Protein backbone atom coordinates (compact mmCIF):
# COMPACT_ATOMS: atom_id res chain seq x y z
CA MET A 1 19.37 -49.35 -17.55
CA LYS A 2 20.36 -49.48 -13.95
CA PRO A 3 19.10 -46.95 -11.42
CA ALA A 4 22.62 -45.61 -10.93
CA HIS A 5 22.93 -44.86 -14.65
CA LEU A 6 19.53 -43.12 -14.63
CA ALA A 7 20.60 -40.95 -11.72
CA ARG A 8 23.82 -39.92 -13.51
CA LEU A 9 21.88 -39.15 -16.68
CA ALA A 10 19.38 -37.02 -14.71
CA LEU A 11 22.24 -35.07 -13.09
CA LEU A 12 23.85 -34.55 -16.48
CA LEU A 13 20.58 -33.21 -17.93
CA LEU A 14 20.20 -30.85 -14.97
CA ALA A 15 23.70 -29.49 -15.55
CA VAL A 16 23.04 -28.63 -19.21
CA PRO A 17 22.27 -24.92 -19.55
CA MET A 18 18.82 -24.04 -20.91
CA PRO A 19 17.83 -20.75 -22.49
CA ALA A 20 15.95 -18.58 -19.99
CA SER A 21 12.96 -16.48 -20.82
CA ALA A 22 11.67 -13.99 -18.25
CA SER A 23 8.30 -13.47 -19.85
CA PHE A 24 5.95 -15.14 -22.24
CA LEU A 25 5.58 -11.73 -23.91
CA SER A 26 8.18 -9.67 -25.71
CA GLY A 27 8.55 -6.24 -27.27
CA GLU A 28 5.42 -4.05 -27.51
CA ALA A 29 3.17 -6.72 -26.00
CA LEU A 30 5.32 -6.76 -22.86
CA ASP A 31 5.14 -2.94 -22.55
CA THR A 32 1.38 -2.95 -23.09
CA MET A 33 0.85 -5.66 -20.46
CA ALA A 34 3.04 -3.75 -17.98
CA ASN A 35 0.98 -0.58 -18.55
CA VAL A 36 -2.30 -2.43 -18.06
CA ILE A 37 -1.10 -4.06 -14.84
CA SER A 38 0.21 -0.74 -13.50
CA TRP A 39 -3.12 1.02 -14.15
CA ILE A 40 -5.03 -1.80 -12.47
CA VAL A 41 -2.76 -1.57 -9.44
CA LEU A 42 -2.96 2.24 -9.32
CA ILE A 43 -6.77 2.31 -9.48
CA PHE A 44 -8.16 -0.83 -7.87
CA VAL A 45 -5.69 -1.56 -5.07
CA PRO A 46 -6.23 1.78 -3.26
CA ILE A 47 -10.00 1.47 -3.66
CA GLY A 48 -9.88 -2.07 -2.31
CA ALA A 49 -7.65 -1.00 0.58
CA ILE A 50 -10.01 1.84 1.52
CA VAL A 51 -13.05 -0.44 1.39
CA LEU A 52 -11.28 -3.08 3.49
CA PHE A 53 -10.15 -0.43 6.00
CA TRP A 54 -13.74 0.86 6.27
CA LEU A 55 -15.28 -2.61 6.63
CA VAL A 56 -12.85 -3.57 9.39
CA HIS A 57 -13.60 -0.36 11.27
CA VAL A 58 -17.36 -0.86 11.09
CA MET A 59 -17.19 -4.43 12.45
CA PRO A 60 -17.31 -3.45 16.16
CA GLU A 61 -20.46 -1.43 15.47
CA LYS A 62 -22.12 -4.42 13.78
CA ILE A 63 -21.08 -6.73 16.63
CA ALA A 64 -22.50 -4.33 19.24
CA GLU A 65 -25.81 -4.15 17.37
CA LYS A 66 -25.98 -7.92 16.99
CA ASN A 67 -25.35 -8.44 20.71
CA HIS A 68 -27.84 -5.68 21.67
CA HIS A 69 -25.09 -3.82 23.52
CA PRO A 70 -26.66 -0.96 25.53
CA GLN A 71 -23.86 1.40 24.56
CA SER A 72 -23.95 0.64 20.83
CA ALA A 73 -24.41 4.32 19.94
CA ALA A 74 -21.16 5.19 21.74
CA ILE A 75 -19.37 2.28 20.06
CA LYS A 76 -20.64 3.52 16.70
CA THR A 77 -19.25 6.99 17.46
CA LEU A 78 -15.90 5.51 18.46
CA CYS A 79 -15.77 3.54 15.20
CA LEU A 80 -16.41 6.74 13.24
CA LEU A 81 -13.71 8.59 15.18
CA SER A 82 -11.34 5.71 14.54
CA LEU A 83 -11.78 6.19 10.79
CA PHE A 84 -10.66 9.81 11.12
CA PHE A 85 -7.72 9.04 13.43
CA GLY A 86 -6.17 6.40 11.20
CA GLY A 87 -7.47 3.37 13.04
CA LEU A 88 -5.94 4.10 16.42
CA LEU A 89 -9.25 3.80 18.28
CA TRP A 90 -10.44 0.66 16.49
CA PRO A 91 -9.04 -1.85 19.04
CA ILE A 92 -10.83 -0.01 21.85
CA ALA A 93 -14.12 -0.17 19.95
CA TRP A 94 -13.55 -3.86 19.26
CA LEU A 95 -12.94 -4.64 22.94
CA TRP A 96 -15.86 -2.48 24.04
CA ALA A 97 -18.23 -4.25 21.64
CA TYR A 98 -17.34 -7.64 23.13
CA THR A 99 -17.49 -6.65 26.82
CA LYS A 100 -20.47 -7.22 29.08
CA PRO A 101 -21.44 -3.87 30.59
CA VAL A 102 -21.41 -4.92 34.26
CA ALA A 103 -21.70 -1.40 35.70
CA TYR A 104 -24.54 -0.66 33.27
CA ARG A 105 -26.38 -3.76 34.47
CA MET A 106 -25.92 -2.75 38.10
CA ALA A 107 -27.24 0.74 37.38
CA TYR A 108 -30.10 -0.07 35.00
CA GLY A 109 -30.88 -3.73 35.67
CA THR A 110 -30.07 -4.91 32.16
CA ASP A 111 -27.18 -5.40 29.80
CA LYS A 112 -29.26 -5.11 26.63
CA HIS A 113 -30.25 -2.10 24.53
CA GLU A 114 -33.82 -0.77 24.51
CA HIS A 115 -34.27 -1.99 20.94
CA TYR A 116 -33.94 -5.58 22.17
CA TYR A 117 -36.90 -5.21 24.53
CA VAL A 118 -39.03 -3.44 21.91
CA HIS A 119 -38.28 -6.28 19.49
CA MET A 120 -39.11 -8.93 22.10
CA ALA A 121 -42.38 -7.12 22.96
CA GLU A 122 -43.33 -7.16 19.28
CA ARG A 123 -42.57 -10.88 19.14
CA ALA A 124 -44.69 -11.43 22.26
CA GLU A 125 -47.60 -9.59 20.64
CA ARG A 126 -47.34 -11.84 17.60
CA GLY A 127 -47.24 -14.90 19.87
CA GLU A 128 -43.73 -15.96 18.82
CA LEU A 129 -42.38 -16.34 22.38
CA ASP A 130 -42.86 -19.42 24.50
CA GLU A 131 -43.76 -19.25 28.20
CA GLU A 132 -40.15 -19.46 29.37
CA GLN A 133 -39.10 -16.52 27.20
CA LEU A 134 -42.13 -14.51 28.32
CA ASP A 135 -41.37 -15.21 31.98
CA HIS A 136 -37.75 -14.14 31.46
CA LEU A 137 -38.85 -10.96 29.68
CA ARG A 138 -41.34 -10.12 32.44
CA ALA A 139 -38.66 -10.72 35.09
CA GLU A 140 -36.27 -8.35 33.31
CA PHE A 141 -38.97 -5.68 33.04
CA PHE A 142 -39.74 -6.14 36.74
CA SER A 143 -36.05 -5.87 37.67
CA MET A 144 -35.64 -2.67 35.66
CA ALA A 145 -38.86 -1.20 37.09
CA GLU A 146 -37.62 -1.87 40.64
CA ARG A 147 -34.51 0.19 39.91
CA GLY A 148 -36.58 2.94 38.33
CA ALA A 149 -34.72 2.50 35.05
CA LEU A 150 -37.71 2.12 32.73
CA SER A 151 -37.81 4.76 30.04
CA ASP A 152 -41.05 5.61 28.26
CA VAL A 153 -40.10 3.25 25.44
CA LEU A 154 -39.47 0.40 27.88
CA LYS A 155 -42.71 1.12 29.76
CA ALA A 156 -44.63 0.89 26.49
CA ALA A 157 -42.85 -2.38 25.64
CA ARG A 158 -43.65 -3.75 29.11
CA ASP A 159 -47.32 -2.79 28.72
CA ARG A 160 -47.48 -4.41 25.28
CA THR A 161 -45.95 -7.58 26.69
CA SER A 162 -48.41 -7.59 29.60
CA LYS A 163 -51.35 -7.17 27.21
CA SER A 164 -50.16 -10.02 25.02
CA VAL A 165 -49.68 -12.25 28.06
CA ALA A 166 -53.16 -11.33 29.33
CA GLY A 167 -54.56 -12.02 25.86
CA ARG A 168 -53.06 -15.50 25.93
CA ALA A 169 -54.34 -16.28 29.40
CA ALA A 170 -57.91 -15.10 28.75
CA PRO A 171 -59.99 -17.70 26.94
CA GLY A 172 -61.67 -16.67 23.73
CA PRO A 173 -65.46 -16.64 23.23
CA ALA A 174 -65.43 -20.10 21.66
CA ALA A 175 -63.58 -21.53 24.65
CA SER A 176 -65.98 -19.97 27.17
CA THR A 177 -69.07 -21.42 25.44
CA SER A 178 -67.48 -24.83 25.23
CA THR A 179 -66.78 -24.92 28.96
CA THR A 180 -70.39 -24.10 29.84
CA GLY A 181 -71.71 -26.53 27.30
CA GLY A 182 -73.34 -23.73 25.29
CA HIS A 183 -76.25 -23.40 27.78
CA ALA A 184 -77.20 -20.15 29.40
C-alpha cells in the first residue's frame, strides 16, 4: 500500500464512531468508589492542608535558628501570631529570618544569638576548633566586651573558651619532662 492510501485509511478509522465509556466501573461499584473517594477527600485533604499550612509557617523560625539569628525568639513569636491571623504575618517573618541584623550588630557587636557562642565555647572545650576559629571567636568576644554587651551567659562562654585556649597552650607534664631531658 502507498502512504497516501494509509493516510486515507487512518482518517477513515478516526471518523468511525466508537462507543464511549466514562468509567471502568458501573452500577453499585461506581457508587461505592465515589463514596470512598469523597470520604478520603473530606478527611485527608483538610488534614494535609492544615499540616502544610503549619509547616510553611514554621519555616522562618527554623531558618532563624539555623542561622543563629539574634532575634529568633521574636521571629518565633511572629510565626505563631501568623498562624492565628491566617498567614498575613508570614512574609514578614520570612524576610526577617533572612535579614542580617545590622543595627543589632552595631549595638551589641554581633549578629549571632547567644546560643551560637555557647555552642562554640563547648566545641572549643572539646578541642574541635582550629586556631583560626578560636582566634575569630576570641575577637568576637573581645568586640562584644568592648561594647559592654556581654551577658552572664556570654561571659561564662568567654571564660570557658579562654580556659580551653590556655589548656592548649600549656604543655602537659609529659611534654615538660621531655624538654628537660627528664633530669632534675
